[in-house]
Amino acid sequence: MRRFLRFAAAGGVGFIVDVSILMLLLHFTSLGPFGARAISIPMAVIAAWMLNRTFTFDRSGRSLAVEGFRYGSIGVTSALLNYALYSALLMSTPILRPTVALVLASAAATGFSFFGYSRFVFRR
């Protein structure tokens, strides 16, 4: 349970990075909600990897490149799931605010991420 709480904390930081970058890009650029989210997600994944690697799961014992590739594989799959849900929510409910869609999509992708990271990336 303690590991999941650390994972949730690292994910919370990643979420804050995601929301912050999304809001900044929406406010200061003309990217729109889809382009801005395509930039904010990878930034959040990198932030969460550093925290998960340090505090949640410890280093995997693999090289940084192998661990990064494995983490990236799960991260990209989770991000695609997250982005697909985010996009579907915005397209099906046009009055929905991008930040609300982000919250809902991120919550749905959390379980997949934890399972993938704990079983595929950091399992020794």
Protein backbone atom coordinates (compact mmCIF):
# COMPACT_ATOMS: atom_id res chain seq x y z
CA MET A 1 0.00 0.00 0.00
CA ARG A 2 2.88 2.35 0.80
CA ARG A 3 4.27 1.88 -2.70
CA PHE A 4 0.94 2.84 -4.26
CA LEU A 5 0.78 5.97 -2.09
CA ARG A 6 4.25 6.97 -3.27
CA PHE A 7 3.17 6.23 -6.83
CA ALA A 8 0.11 8.43 -6.31
CA ALA A 9 2.31 11.23 -4.94
CA ALA A 10 4.69 11.01 -7.93
CA GLY A 11 1.66 10.89 -10.21
CA GLY A 12 0.27 13.93 -8.41
CA VAL A 13 3.42 15.86 -9.22
CA GLY A 14 3.21 14.64 -12.81
CA PHE A 15 -0.41 15.74 -12.87
CA ILE A 16 0.52 19.21 -11.62
CA VAL A 17 3.19 19.44 -14.34
CA ASP A 18 0.60 18.29 -16.91
CA VAL A 19 -2.07 20.77 -15.82
CA SER A 20 0.39 23.65 -15.43
CA ILE A 21 1.92 23.22 -18.87
CA LEU A 22 -1.51 22.69 -20.44
CA MET A 23 -2.89 25.87 -18.88
CA LEU A 24 0.20 27.92 -19.79
CA LEU A 25 0.09 26.73 -23.40
CA LEU A 26 -3.64 27.35 -23.66
CA HIS A 27 -3.21 30.84 -22.27
CA PHE A 28 -0.06 31.95 -24.08
CA THR A 29 -0.17 30.09 -27.41
CA SER A 30 -2.64 29.30 -30.14
CA LEU A 31 -2.03 25.54 -29.93
CA GLY A 32 -5.52 24.72 -28.67
CA PRO A 33 -6.42 21.92 -26.25
CA PHE A 34 -5.21 19.04 -28.43
CA GLY A 35 -1.81 20.43 -29.41
CA ALA A 36 -1.15 21.75 -25.93
CA ARG A 37 -1.92 18.38 -24.36
CA ALA A 38 0.41 16.64 -26.82
CA ILE A 39 3.19 18.73 -25.26
CA SER A 40 2.10 18.60 -21.62
CA ILE A 41 1.80 14.80 -21.41
CA PRO A 42 5.46 13.97 -22.23
CA MET A 43 6.65 16.59 -19.74
CA ALA A 44 4.49 15.00 -17.05
CA VAL A 45 5.77 11.49 -17.90
CA ILE A 46 9.40 12.61 -17.54
CA ALA A 47 8.72 14.29 -14.19
CA ALA A 48 6.89 11.23 -12.86
CA TRP A 49 9.65 8.85 -14.06
CA MET A 50 12.29 10.72 -12.10
CA LEU A 51 10.16 10.62 -8.95
CA ASN A 52 9.06 7.00 -9.37
CA ARG A 53 12.64 5.93 -10.03
CA THR A 54 13.89 7.71 -6.93
CA PHE A 55 11.10 7.33 -4.36
CA THR A 56 8.51 4.76 -5.43
CA PHE A 57 10.15 1.73 -6.97
CA ASP A 58 13.89 2.39 -6.62
CA ARG A 59 16.19 1.76 -9.51
CA SER A 60 15.43 -1.40 -11.45
CA GLY A 61 18.99 -2.69 -11.65
CA ARG A 62 18.87 -2.30 -15.43
CA SER A 63 20.83 0.30 -17.33
CA LEU A 64 19.30 3.75 -17.45
CA ALA A 65 18.66 3.29 -21.18
CA VAL A 66 16.81 -0.03 -20.73
CA GLU A 67 14.86 1.24 -17.76
CA GLY A 68 14.03 4.44 -19.64
CA PHE A 69 12.86 2.45 -22.67
CA ARG A 70 10.64 0.22 -20.52
CA TYR A 71 9.27 3.19 -18.59
CA GLY A 72 8.74 5.04 -21.84
CA SER A 73 6.87 2.08 -23.34
CA ILE A 74 4.40 2.01 -20.47
CA GLY A 75 4.35 5.81 -20.32
CA VAL A 76 3.58 6.16 -24.04
CA THR A 77 0.85 3.51 -23.89
CA SER A 78 -0.66 5.14 -20.81
CA ALA A 79 -0.34 8.58 -22.42
CA LEU A 80 -2.09 7.35 -25.57
CA LEU A 81 -4.89 5.91 -23.46
CA ASN A 82 -5.03 9.16 -21.48
CA TYR A 83 -5.02 11.32 -24.62
CA ALA A 84 -7.64 9.16 -26.36
CA LEU A 85 -9.98 9.45 -23.38
CA TYR A 86 -9.27 13.18 -23.08
CA SER A 87 -10.03 13.71 -26.78
CA ALA A 88 -13.15 11.55 -26.70
CA LEU A 89 -14.48 13.46 -23.71
CA LEU A 90 -13.87 16.84 -25.34
CA MET A 91 -15.34 15.79 -28.67
CA SER A 92 -18.39 14.10 -27.17
CA THR A 93 -19.07 16.87 -24.66
CA PRO A 94 -18.01 20.20 -26.21
CA ILE A 95 -18.97 22.21 -23.12
CA LEU A 96 -16.54 20.20 -20.97
CA ARG A 97 -13.53 22.22 -19.86
CA PRO A 98 -10.12 20.78 -20.92
CA THR A 99 -8.97 20.59 -17.30
CA VAL A 100 -11.99 18.46 -16.33
CA ALA A 101 -11.32 16.12 -19.27
CA LEU A 102 -7.68 15.94 -18.17
CA VAL A 103 -8.67 14.93 -14.62
CA LEU A 104 -11.04 12.21 -15.80
CA ALA A 105 -8.66 10.80 -18.41
CA SER A 106 -5.71 10.86 -16.02
CA ALA A 107 -7.64 9.02 -13.34
CA ALA A 108 -8.55 6.28 -15.81
CA ALA A 109 -4.92 5.82 -16.90
CA THR A 110 -3.52 5.61 -13.35
CA GLY A 111 -4.32 1.93 -12.74
CA PHE A 112 -2.80 0.86 -16.03
CA SER A 113 0.35 2.86 -15.28
CA PHE A 114 0.88 1.45 -11.79
CA PHE A 115 0.47 -2.12 -12.96
CA GLY A 116 2.82 -1.61 -15.90
CA TYR A 117 5.51 0.21 -13.97
CA SER A 118 5.47 -2.15 -11.00
CA ARG A 119 5.43 -5.35 -13.12
CA PHE A 120 7.35 -4.46 -16.29
CA VAL A 121 9.72 -1.63 -15.44
CA PHE A 122 10.84 -1.86 -11.83
CA ARG A 123 10.28 -5.53 -11.01
CA ARG A 124 13.58 -7.18 -10.18
